[in-house]
C-alpha atoms as a PDB file:
ATOM      1  CA  MET A   1     191.280  61.599   2.048  1.00  0.00           C
ATOM      2  CA  LYS A   2     187.474  61.419   2.338  1.00  0.00           C
ATOM      3  CA  LEU A   3     187.672  60.028   5.857  1.00  0.00           C
ATOM      4  CA  LYS A   4     189.896  62.925   6.942  1.00  0.00           C
ATOM      5  CA  SER A   5     187.519  65.505   5.448  1.00  0.00           C
ATOM      6  CA  LEU A   6     184.492  63.885   7.104  1.00  0.00           C
ATOM      7  CA  SER A   7     186.194  63.876  10.515  1.00  0.00           C
ATOM      8  CA  VAL A   8     187.066  67.590  10.194  1.00  0.00           C
ATOM      9  CA  LEU A   9     183.478  68.429   9.238  1.00  0.00           C
ATOM     10  CA  GLY A  10     182.219  66.408  12.199  1.00  0.00           C
ATOM     11  CA  LEU A  11     184.474  68.319  14.598  1.00  0.00           C
ATOM     12  CA  LEU A  12     183.335  71.646  13.180  1.00  0.00           C
ATOM     13  CA  ALA A  13     179.690  70.661  13.570  1.00  0.00           C
ATOM     14  CA  ALA A  14     180.214  69.552  17.188  1.00  0.00           C
ATOM     15  CA  ALA A  15     182.191  72.635  18.266  1.00  0.00           C
ATOM     16  CA  PRO A  16     179.187  74.901  19.051  1.00  0.00           C
ATOM     17  CA  MET A  17     177.552  72.193  21.187  1.00  0.00           C
ATOM     18  CA  ALA A  18     180.762  71.552  23.133  1.00  0.00           C
ATOM     19  CA  SER A  19     181.261  75.226  23.920  1.00  0.00           C
ATOM     20  CA  GLN A  20     177.689  75.671  25.142  1.00  0.00           C
ATOM     21  CA  ALA A  21     177.878  72.582  27.315  1.00  0.00           C
ATOM     22  CA  ALA A  22     180.513  74.225  29.547  1.00  0.00           C
ATOM     23  CA  MET A  23     178.324  77.229  30.371  1.00  0.00           C
ATOM     24  CA  VAL A  24     176.505  76.963  33.708  1.00  0.00           C
ATOM     25  CA  GLU A  25     173.975  79.439  35.003  1.00  0.00           C
ATOM     26  CA  MET A  26     174.872  81.034  38.351  1.00  0.00           C
ATOM     27  CA  ASN A  27     172.553  82.769  40.803  1.00  0.00           C
ATOM     28  CA  GLU A  28     173.351  85.916  42.845  1.00  0.00           C
ATOM     29  CA  THR A  29     174.602  83.999  45.898  1.00  0.00           C
ATOM     30  CA  GLU A  30     177.095  82.025  43.838  1.00  0.00           C
ATOM     31  CA  MET A  31     178.208  85.205  42.050  1.00  0.00           C
ATOM     32  CA  SER A  32     179.003  86.933  45.362  1.00  0.00           C
ATOM     33  CA  ASP A  33     181.466  84.137  46.236  1.00  0.00           C
ATOM     34  CA  VAL A  34     183.509  84.698  43.054  1.00  0.00           C
ATOM     35  CA  SER A  35     186.804  86.483  43.739  1.00  0.00           C
ATOM     36  CA  GLY A  36     190.189  87.086  42.173  1.00  0.00           C
ATOM     37  CA  GLN A  37     189.063  89.129  39.218  1.00  0.00           C
ATOM     38  CA  ALA A  38     190.126  92.711  38.653  1.00  0.00           C
ATOM     39  CA  MET A  39     188.764  95.228  36.211  1.00  0.00           C
ATOM     40  CA  PHE A  40     190.086  98.544  34.952  1.00  0.00           C
ATOM     41  CA  SER A  41     187.708 101.229  33.886  1.00  0.00           C
ATOM     42  CA  GLY A  42     188.700 103.662  31.176  1.00  0.00           C
ATOM     43  CA  ARG A  43     191.897 103.675  29.160  1.00  0.00           C
ATOM     44  CA  LEU A  44     194.998 101.857  30.356  1.00  0.00           C
ATOM     45  CA  PHE A  45     197.363 104.285  28.658  1.00  0.00           C
ATOM     46  CA  ASN A  46     197.624 107.886  27.507  1.00  0.00           C
ATOM     47  CA  PHE A  47     198.593 108.566  23.921  1.00  0.00           C
ATOM     48  CA  SER A  48     200.145 111.809  22.696  1.00  0.00           C
ATOM     49  CA  ALA A  49     201.376 112.846  19.283  1.00  0.00           C
ATOM     50  CA  SER A  50     202.473 116.077  17.651  1.00  0.00           C
ATOM     51  CA  PHE A  51     203.655 117.110  14.227  1.00  0.00           C
ATOM     52  CA  ASP A  52     205.021 120.518  13.281  1.00  0.00           C
ATOM     53  CA  LEU A  53     206.195 122.109  10.036  1.00  0.00           C
ATOM     54  CA  ASP A  54     208.471 125.116  10.344  1.00  0.00           C
ATOM     55  CA  PRO A  55     208.892 126.581   6.850  1.00  0.00           C
ATOM     56  CA  SER A  56     211.642 129.058   6.072  1.00  0.00           C
ATOM     57  CA  TYR A  57     211.774 131.081   2.863  1.00  0.00           C
ATOM     58  CA  SER A  58     214.401 133.419   1.524  1.00  0.00           C
ATOM     59  CA  ALA A  59     213.303 135.864  -1.158  1.00  0.00           C
ATOM     60  CA  PRO A  60     215.028 135.620  -4.540  1.00  0.00           C
ATOM     61  CA  ASN A  61     218.314 137.471  -4.457  1.00  0.00           C
ATOM     62  CA  PHE A  62     220.119 138.750  -7.548  1.00  0.00           C
ATOM     63  CA  SER A  63     223.513 140.364  -7.139  1.00  0.00           C
ATOM     64  CA  VAL A  64     226.074 142.043  -9.409  1.00  0.00           C
ATOM     65  CA  ASP A  65     229.534 142.787  -8.033  1.00  0.00           C
ATOM     66  CA  THR A  66     232.360 144.448  -9.930  1.00  0.00           C
ATOM     67  CA  THR A  67     236.017 144.287  -9.070  1.00  0.00           C
ATOM     68  CA  PRO A  68     238.730 146.221 -10.884  1.00  0.00           C
ATOM     69  CA  VAL A  69     241.571 144.072 -12.207  1.00  0.00           C
ATOM     70  CA  LEU A  70     244.727 144.966 -14.090  1.00  0.00           C
ATOM     71  CA  GLY A  71     243.661 146.068 -17.555  1.00  0.00           C
ATOM     72  CA  GLY A  72     239.904 145.620 -17.062  1.00  0.00           C
ATOM     73  CA  VAL A  73     237.048 144.747 -14.737  1.00  0.00           C
ATOM     74  CA  GLU A  74     235.729 141.494 -13.270  1.00  0.00           C
ATOM     75  CA  VAL A  75     231.933 141.116 -13.066  1.00  0.00           C
ATOM     76  CA  ASN A  76     230.392 138.534 -10.746  1.00  0.00           C
ATOM     77  CA  THR A  77     226.631 137.903 -11.095  1.00  0.00           C
ATOM     78  CA  GLY A  78     224.593 135.572  -8.948  1.00  0.00           C
ATOM     79  CA  PHE A  79     221.060 134.448  -8.213  1.00  0.00           C
ATOM     80  CA  TYR A  80     219.833 132.514  -5.166  1.00  0.00           C
ATOM     81  CA  VAL A  81     216.451 131.379  -3.829  1.00  0.00           C
ATOM     82  CA  ASN A  82     215.718 128.919  -1.011  1.00  0.00           C
ATOM     83  CA  TRP A  83     212.613 127.441   0.595  1.00  0.00           C
ATOM     84  CA  GLU A  84     213.220 125.029   3.476  1.00  0.00           C
ATOM     85  CA  VAL A  85     210.833 123.038   5.636  1.00  0.00           C
ATOM     86  CA  PHE A  86     211.865 121.688   9.050  1.00  0.00           C
ATOM     87  CA  PRO A  87     209.325 119.003  10.038  1.00  0.00           C
ATOM     88  CA  SER A  88     209.427 117.626  13.572  1.00  0.00           C
ATOM     89  CA  TRP A  89     207.343 114.942  15.231  1.00  0.00           C
ATOM     90  CA  SER A  90     206.807 113.306  18.598  1.00  0.00           C
ATOM     91  CA  VAL A  91     204.783 110.226  19.606  1.00  0.00           C
ATOM     92  CA  GLY A  92     204.380 108.875  23.119  1.00  0.00           C
ATOM     93  CA  VAL A  93     202.408 106.204  24.969  1.00  0.00           C
ATOM     94  CA  THR A  94     202.436 106.359  28.776  1.00  0.00           C
ATOM     95  CA  GLY A  95     200.731 104.087  31.292  1.00  0.00           C
ATOM     96  CA  LYS A  96     197.707 105.854  32.727  1.00  0.00           C
ATOM     97  CA  TYR A  97     197.883 104.197  36.138  1.00  0.00           C
ATOM     98  CA  SER A  98     201.637 103.575  36.417  1.00  0.00           C
ATOM     99  CA  GLY A  99     203.000 106.714  34.705  1.00  0.00           C
ATOM    100  CA  THR A 100     205.628 104.537  33.020  1.00  0.00           C
ATOM    101  CA  PRO A 101     206.543 105.534  29.455  1.00  0.00           C
ATOM    102  CA  TYR A 102     205.933 102.519  27.235  1.00  0.00           C
ATOM    103  CA  TYR A 103     206.994 104.078  23.952  1.00  0.00           C
ATOM    104  CA  THR A 104     208.402 107.460  23.021  1.00  0.00           C
ATOM    105  CA  LYS A 105     209.753 108.508  19.656  1.00  0.00           C
ATOM    106  CA  SER A 106     210.646 111.936  18.347  1.00  0.00           C
ATOM    107  CA  GLY A 107     212.655 113.337  15.508  1.00  0.00           C
ATOM    108  CA  SER A 108     213.166 116.144  13.054  1.00  0.00           C
ATOM    109  CA  ALA A 109     214.456 116.639   9.544  1.00  0.00           C
ATOM    110  CA  ASN A 110     215.449 119.302   7.043  1.00  0.00           C
ATOM    111  CA  TRP A 111     213.779 119.260   3.659  1.00  0.00           C
ATOM    112  CA  ASP A 112     214.654 121.680   0.843  1.00  0.00           C
ATOM    113  CA  PRO A 113     211.865 121.558  -1.756  1.00  0.00           C
ATOM    114  CA  ILE A 114     213.401 124.532  -3.576  1.00  0.00           C
ATOM    115  CA  GLU A 115     217.066 125.440  -3.368  1.00  0.00           C
ATOM    116  CA  PHE A 116     218.574 127.080  -6.407  1.00  0.00           C
ATOM    117  CA  GLY A 117     221.723 129.081  -6.823  1.00  0.00           C
ATOM    118  CA  TRP A 118     223.660 130.318  -9.820  1.00  0.00           C
ATOM    119  CA  SER A 119     226.747 132.467 -10.225  1.00  0.00           C
ATOM    120  CA  ASN A 120     228.923 133.603 -13.099  1.00  0.00           C
ATOM    121  CA  THR A 121     232.235 135.455 -13.129  1.00  0.00           C
ATOM    122  CA  ARG A 122     233.573 137.155 -16.250  1.00  0.00           C
ATOM    123  CA  THR A 123     236.571 139.374 -16.782  1.00  0.00           C
ATOM    124  CA  PHE A 124     236.408 142.161 -19.349  1.00  0.00           C
ATOM    125  CA  ARG A 125     239.683 143.629 -20.665  1.00  0.00           C
ATOM    126  CA  LEU A 126     239.702 147.244 -21.649  1.00  0.00           C
ATOM    127  CA  LYS A 127     241.540 148.004 -24.935  1.00  0.00           C
END
């Protein structure tokens, strides 16, 4: 076990020297002969994203309806309130130089944080 640990430590100590040994200084004439390398300037892609909330609210509504029935009256009462949110989103990544869409994703949803309704129907008989 000790021999294995010592060999790993020796390799780690020699790594910086081995990497520097491969570096060779080049002058301007030698640099002008180098070819086959390309370089892009700027971004390689365009990124776009959007997020939108479209809230919808209905004011509280209370209603009382009466309907005559044989021998009495029927009373229907109700209450309703609603607040909805419709979030939508879109994300896209497009190649800046090729114009090819790499990734696009969009969607929407319906979210009801508050939705409450109540109704009651009673029939009253007249004597």
